[in-house]
N, C-alpha and C. Protein backbone atom coordinates (compact mmCIF):
# COMPACT_ATOMS: atom_id res chain seq x y z
N UNK A 1 0.90 -1.22 0.10
CA UNK A 1 0.24 0.05 0.05
C UNK A 1 0.94 1.22 -0.08
N UNK A 2 0.42 2.25 -0.73
CA UNK A 2 1.06 3.65 -0.77
C UNK A 2 0.17 4.60 -0.54
N UNK A 3 0.61 5.89 -0.01
CA UNK A 3 -0.21 6.97 0.05
C UNK A 3 -1.16 7.31 -0.99
N UNK A 4 -2.46 7.37 -0.52
CA UNK A 4 -3.27 7.75 -1.53
C UNK A 4 -4.14 6.42 -2.38
N UNK A 5 -3.67 5.23 -1.84
CA UNK A 5 -4.51 4.04 -2.02
C UNK A 5 -5.95 4.07 -1.34
N UNK A 6 -6.75 3.11 -1.71
CA UNK A 6 -8.05 3.23 -1.16
C UNK A 6 -8.41 1.61 -0.76
N UNK A 7 -8.58 1.42 0.23
CA UNK A 7 -9.10 -0.21 0.69
C UNK A 7 -10.35 -0.03 1.28
N UNK A 8 -11.13 -1.09 1.37
CA UNK A 8 -12.48 -1.30 1.71
C UNK A 8 -12.63 -1.93 2.85
N UNK A 9 -13.57 -1.71 4.06
CA UNK A 9 -13.84 -2.59 4.92
C UNK A 9 -15.57 -2.87 4.89
N UNK A 10 -15.75 -4.30 4.66
CA UNK A 10 -17.32 -4.53 4.76
C UNK A 10 -17.54 -5.00 6.18
N UNK A 11 -18.63 -4.43 6.72
CA UNK A 11 -18.99 -4.88 8.08
C UNK A 11 -20.50 -4.68 8.12
N UNK A 12 -21.26 -5.73 8.36
CA UNK A 12 -22.65 -5.31 8.87
C UNK A 12 -23.40 -4.71 7.86
N UNK A 13 -23.24 -5.22 6.91
CA UNK A 13 -23.99 -4.67 5.45
C UNK A 13 -23.55 -3.11 5.05
N UNK A 14 -22.58 -2.74 5.72
CA UNK A 14 -22.06 -1.49 5.26
C UNK A 14 -20.58 -1.79 4.36
N UNK A 15 -20.29 -1.03 3.59
CA UNK A 15 -18.99 -0.83 2.95
C UNK A 15 -18.42 0.55 3.23
N UNK A 16 -17.15 0.51 3.88
CA UNK A 16 -16.66 1.56 4.12
C UNK A 16 -15.42 1.64 3.25
N UNK A 17 -14.96 2.88 2.78
CA UNK A 17 -13.82 3.12 1.94
C UNK A 17 -12.90 4.04 2.72
N UNK A 18 -11.67 3.73 2.92
CA UNK A 18 -10.63 4.43 3.54
C UNK A 18 -9.45 4.73 2.56
N UNK A 19 -8.98 5.87 2.71
CA UNK A 19 -7.73 6.39 1.77
C UNK A 19 -6.67 6.38 2.60
N UNK A 20 -5.60 6.04 2.27
CA UNK A 20 -4.38 5.82 2.92
C UNK A 20 -3.57 7.39 3.00
N UNK A 21 -3.59 8.04 4.14
CA UNK A 21 -2.96 9.33 4.39
C UNK A 21 -1.74 9.48 5.21
N UNK A 22 -1.11 8.05 5.49
CA UNK A 22 -0.14 8.26 6.39
C UNK A 22 0.69 6.74 6.34
N UNK A 23 1.86 6.60 6.15
CA UNK A 23 2.28 5.24 6.33
C UNK A 23 3.73 5.63 7.24
N UNK A 24 3.63 4.78 8.21
CA UNK A 24 4.92 4.89 9.25
C UNK A 24 5.22 3.47 9.82
N UNK A 25 6.76 3.33 9.73
CA UNK A 25 7.08 2.05 10.42
C UNK A 25 7.29 2.32 11.84
N UNK A 26 6.81 1.56 12.72
CA UNK A 26 6.78 1.76 14.15
C UNK A 26 7.20 0.60 15.00
N UNK A 27 7.57 0.70 16.31
CA UNK A 27 7.97 -0.35 17.03
C UNK A 27 6.97 -0.92 17.83
N UNK A 28 6.93 -2.26 18.14
CA UNK A 28 5.70 -2.76 19.09
C UNK A 28 5.35 -2.12 20.36
N UNK A 29 6.35 -1.23 20.61
CA UNK A 29 6.09 -0.54 21.85
C UNK A 29 5.53 1.06 21.97
N UNK A 30 5.18 1.24 20.54
CA UNK A 30 4.94 2.59 20.26
C UNK A 30 3.19 2.57 20.03
N UNK A 31 2.88 2.29 21.06
CA UNK A 31 1.20 2.11 21.22
C UNK A 31 0.57 3.50 21.05
N UNK A 32 1.34 4.30 21.32
CA UNK A 32 0.68 5.66 21.43
C UNK A 32 0.31 5.94 19.84
N UNK A 33 1.04 5.38 18.89
CA UNK A 33 0.51 5.78 17.38
C UNK A 33 -0.74 5.25 16.83
N UNK A 34 -1.26 4.18 17.70
CA UNK A 34 -2.49 3.72 17.74
C UNK A 34 -3.87 4.44 18.21
N UNK A 35 -3.69 5.29 18.94
CA UNK A 35 -4.62 6.18 19.78
C UNK A 35 -5.66 6.57 18.74
N UNK A 36 -6.79 6.58 19.41
CA UNK A 36 -7.93 7.13 18.81
C UNK A 36 -7.83 8.58 18.69
N UNK A 37 -8.15 9.15 17.36
CA UNK A 37 -8.00 10.57 17.20
C UNK A 37 -9.56 11.25 17.31
N UNK A 38 -9.73 12.07 17.97
CA UNK A 38 -11.25 12.61 18.48
C UNK A 38 -11.59 13.44 17.24
N UNK A 39 -13.02 13.01 16.90
CA UNK A 39 -13.47 13.62 15.68
C UNK A 39 -13.05 13.14 14.15
N UNK A 40 -12.27 12.10 14.15
CA UNK A 40 -11.71 11.63 13.02
C UNK A 40 -12.10 10.24 12.99
N UNK A 41 -12.72 9.63 11.88
CA UNK A 41 -12.88 8.40 11.75
C UNK A 41 -11.80 7.55 10.96
N UNK A 42 -10.74 6.95 11.74
CA UNK A 42 -9.67 6.45 11.14
C UNK A 42 -9.65 5.17 11.24
N UNK A 43 -8.82 4.39 10.52
CA UNK A 43 -8.76 2.97 10.60
C UNK A 43 -7.09 2.67 10.40
N UNK A 44 -6.85 2.09 11.24
CA UNK A 44 -5.26 1.62 11.34
C UNK A 44 -5.19 0.16 10.70
N UNK A 45 -4.26 -0.09 9.80
CA UNK A 45 -4.20 -1.23 8.95
C UNK A 45 -2.76 -1.52 9.29
N UNK A 46 -2.43 -2.72 9.86
CA UNK A 46 -0.99 -3.22 9.91
C UNK A 46 -0.82 -4.52 9.50
N UNK A 47 -0.13 -4.61 8.47
CA UNK A 47 -0.09 -5.84 7.47
C UNK A 47 0.97 -6.74 8.46
N UNK A 48 0.26 -8.00 8.04
CA UNK A 48 1.13 -9.28 8.51
C UNK A 48 2.21 -9.49 7.56
N UNK A 49 3.43 -9.48 7.94
CA UNK A 49 4.77 -9.96 6.94
C UNK A 49 5.75 -10.72 7.87
N UNK A 50 5.49 -12.09 7.67
CA UNK A 50 6.49 -12.99 8.52
C UNK A 50 7.81 -12.84 8.27
N UNK A 51 8.26 -12.34 7.16
CA UNK A 51 9.58 -12.00 6.90
C UNK A 51 10.32 -10.60 7.39
N UNK A 52 9.18 -9.77 8.04
CA UNK A 52 9.78 -8.53 8.63
C UNK A 52 10.26 -8.55 9.74
N UNK A 53 11.18 -7.62 10.44
CA UNK A 53 11.66 -7.87 11.67
C UNK A 53 10.35 -7.46 12.82
N UNK A 54 10.58 -8.16 13.65
CA UNK A 54 9.66 -8.05 15.02
C UNK A 54 9.77 -6.58 15.50
N UNK A 55 10.98 -6.15 15.07
CA UNK A 55 11.30 -4.79 15.94
C UNK A 55 10.43 -3.80 15.27
N UNK A 56 10.03 -3.71 14.17
CA UNK A 56 9.29 -2.60 13.46
C UNK A 56 8.12 -3.09 12.60
N UNK A 57 7.03 -2.63 12.41
CA UNK A 57 6.04 -3.15 11.53
C UNK A 57 5.31 -1.78 10.84
N UNK A 58 5.12 -2.12 9.70
CA UNK A 58 4.50 -0.98 8.79
C UNK A 58 3.05 -0.64 9.39
N UNK A 59 2.72 0.43 9.44
CA UNK A 59 1.24 0.95 9.65
C UNK A 59 0.89 2.00 8.80
N UNK A 60 -0.32 1.88 8.48
CA UNK A 60 -0.79 2.81 7.61
C UNK A 60 -2.14 3.32 8.41
N UNK A 61 -2.32 4.81 8.20
CA UNK A 61 -3.59 5.34 8.95
C UNK A 61 -4.39 5.63 7.78
N UNK A 62 -5.67 5.67 7.95
CA UNK A 62 -6.49 6.02 6.56
C UNK A 62 -7.68 6.74 7.12
N UNK A 63 -8.14 7.47 6.19
CA UNK A 63 -9.25 8.56 6.35
C UNK A 63 -10.36 7.77 5.65
N UNK A 64 -11.59 7.83 6.40
CA UNK A 64 -12.80 7.49 6.00
C UNK A 64 -13.36 8.10 4.74
N UNK A 65 -13.69 7.38 3.48
CA UNK A 65 -14.20 8.14 2.51
C UNK A 65 -15.73 7.55 2.31
N UNK A 66 -16.70 8.30 2.56
CA UNK A 66 -18.11 7.63 2.54
C UNK A 66 -18.34 7.35 0.88
N UNK A 67 -18.87 6.28 0.73
CA UNK A 67 -19.17 5.76 -0.40
C UNK A 67 -20.72 6.05 -0.76
N UNK A 68 -21.08 7.24 -1.60
CA UNK A 68 -22.07 7.63 -1.42
C UNK A 68 -23.33 6.52 -2.34
N UNK A 69 -22.68 5.68 -3.22
CA UNK A 69 -23.45 4.79 -3.72
C UNK A 69 -24.11 3.67 -2.96
N UNK A 70 -23.19 3.39 -1.81
CA UNK A 70 -23.43 2.42 -0.88
C UNK A 70 -24.75 2.73 -0.02
N UNK A 71 -24.77 4.20 0.22
CA UNK A 71 -25.75 4.77 0.96
C UNK A 71 -26.97 5.06 0.21
N UNK A 72 -26.81 5.51 -0.87
CA UNK A 72 -28.13 5.67 -1.75
C UNK A 72 -28.71 4.99 -2.55
N UNK A 73 -28.01 3.67 -2.56
CA UNK A 73 -28.60 2.82 -3.61
C UNK A 73 -29.68 1.94 -3.13
N UNK A 74 -29.31 1.78 -1.66
CA UNK A 74 -30.57 1.01 -0.92
C UNK A 74 -31.66 1.97 -0.86
N UNK A 75 -31.49 3.19 -0.69
CA UNK A 75 -32.66 3.94 -0.10
C UNK A 75 -33.58 4.03 -1.47
N UNK A 76 -32.61 4.35 -2.63
CA UNK A 76 -33.27 4.36 -4.00
C UNK A 76 -34.05 3.06 -4.34
N UNK A 77 -33.79 2.27 -4.01
CA UNK A 77 -34.31 0.76 -4.39
C UNK A 77 -35.73 0.62 -3.37
N UNK A 78 -35.68 1.10 -2.16
CA UNK A 78 -36.78 1.11 -1.30
C UNK A 78 -37.79 2.04 -1.87
N UNK A 79 -37.33 3.28 -2.29
CA UNK A 79 -38.52 4.23 -2.83
C UNK A 79 -39.05 3.70 -4.06
N UNK A 80 -38.18 3.19 -5.01
CA UNK A 80 -38.76 2.68 -6.40
C UNK A 80 -39.72 1.53 -6.24
N UNK A 81 -39.58 0.52 -5.13
CA UNK A 81 -40.36 -0.45 -4.38
C UNK A 81 -41.73 -0.03 -4.10
N UNK A 82 -41.40 0.84 -3.25
CA UNK A 82 -42.89 1.52 -2.72
C UNK A 82 -43.56 2.19 -3.86
N UNK A 83 -43.06 2.95 -4.70
CA UNK A 83 -43.59 3.57 -5.65
C UNK A 83 -44.27 2.47 -6.63
N UNK A 84 -43.57 1.58 -6.79
CA UNK A 84 -44.19 0.40 -7.86
C UNK A 84 -45.43 -0.29 -7.13
N UNK A 85 -45.26 -0.52 -5.89
CA UNK A 85 -46.25 -1.19 -5.41
C UNK A 85 -47.46 -0.36 -5.27
N UNK A 86 -47.29 0.96 -4.98
CA UNK A 86 -48.75 1.82 -4.98
C UNK A 86 -49.07 1.94 -6.38
N UNK A 87 -48.26 2.04 -7.34
CA UNK A 87 -48.85 2.07 -8.89
C UNK A 87 -49.63 0.87 -9.01
N UNK A 88 -49.12 -0.13 -8.97
CA UNK A 88 -49.75 -1.69 -9.03
C UNK A 88 -50.89 -1.51 -8.14
N UNK A 89 -51.18 -1.12 -7.14
CA UNK A 89 -52.32 -1.15 -6.23
C UNK A 89 -53.55 -0.18 -7.00
N UNK A 90 -52.92 0.76 -7.21
CA UNK A 90 -53.98 1.77 -7.90
C UNK A 90 -54.49 1.39 -9.38
N UNK A 91 -53.53 0.74 -10.01
CA UNK A 91 -53.97 0.10 -11.34
C UNK A 91 -55.22 -1.05 -11.10
N UNK A 92 -54.98 -1.97 -9.95
CA UNK A 92 -55.75 -2.70 -9.63
C UNK A 92 -57.18 -2.13 -9.40
N UNK A 93 -57.08 -1.14 -8.64
CA UNK A 93 -58.32 -0.60 -8.01
C UNK A 93 -59.20 -0.13 -9.37
N UNK A 94 -58.38 0.43 -10.23
CA UNK A 94 -58.92 1.36 -11.39
C UNK A 94 -59.53 0.36 -12.53
N UNK A 95 -58.87 -1.02 -12.39
CA UNK A 95 -59.32 -1.92 -13.19
C UNK A 95 -60.73 -2.65 -12.56
N UNK A 96 -60.82 -2.61 -11.29
CA UNK A 96 -62.06 -3.24 -10.41
C UNK A 96 -63.23 -2.09 -10.70
N UNK A 97 -62.89 -0.73 -10.61
CA UNK A 97 -63.96 0.27 -10.92
C UNK A 97 -64.53 0.00 -12.38
N UNK A 98 -63.57 -0.25 -13.14
CA UNK A 98 -64.25 -0.42 -14.80
C UNK A 98 -65.08 -1.27 -15.05
N UNK A 99 -64.86 -2.59 -14.23
CA UNK A 99 -65.42 -3.87 -14.33
C UNK A 99 -66.78 -3.68 -13.56
N UNK A 100 -67.11 -2.62 -12.71
CA UNK A 100 -68.34 -2.34 -12.17
C UNK A 100 -69.38 -1.96 -12.88
């Protein structure tokens, strides 16, 4: 991974996109580098590399990018479904009126 790359996290029916904004090599004792940053939705990704030295691990910090399509698409599908159902119900009622 390099700065600017995007990766996706799929969790509980949501897809979140994170863009790499920082890459550091840290020591296992540098836990302060993993702290929560208030007001920011960050994801820390620590890759596993069995060949890497145990003294330092690459860490990338990533900012959340909301995927508009992942949010809007289900909402749009529900609206279309409700509209179609109402239209079908009205057509059926109109047809019954014509038959009377």
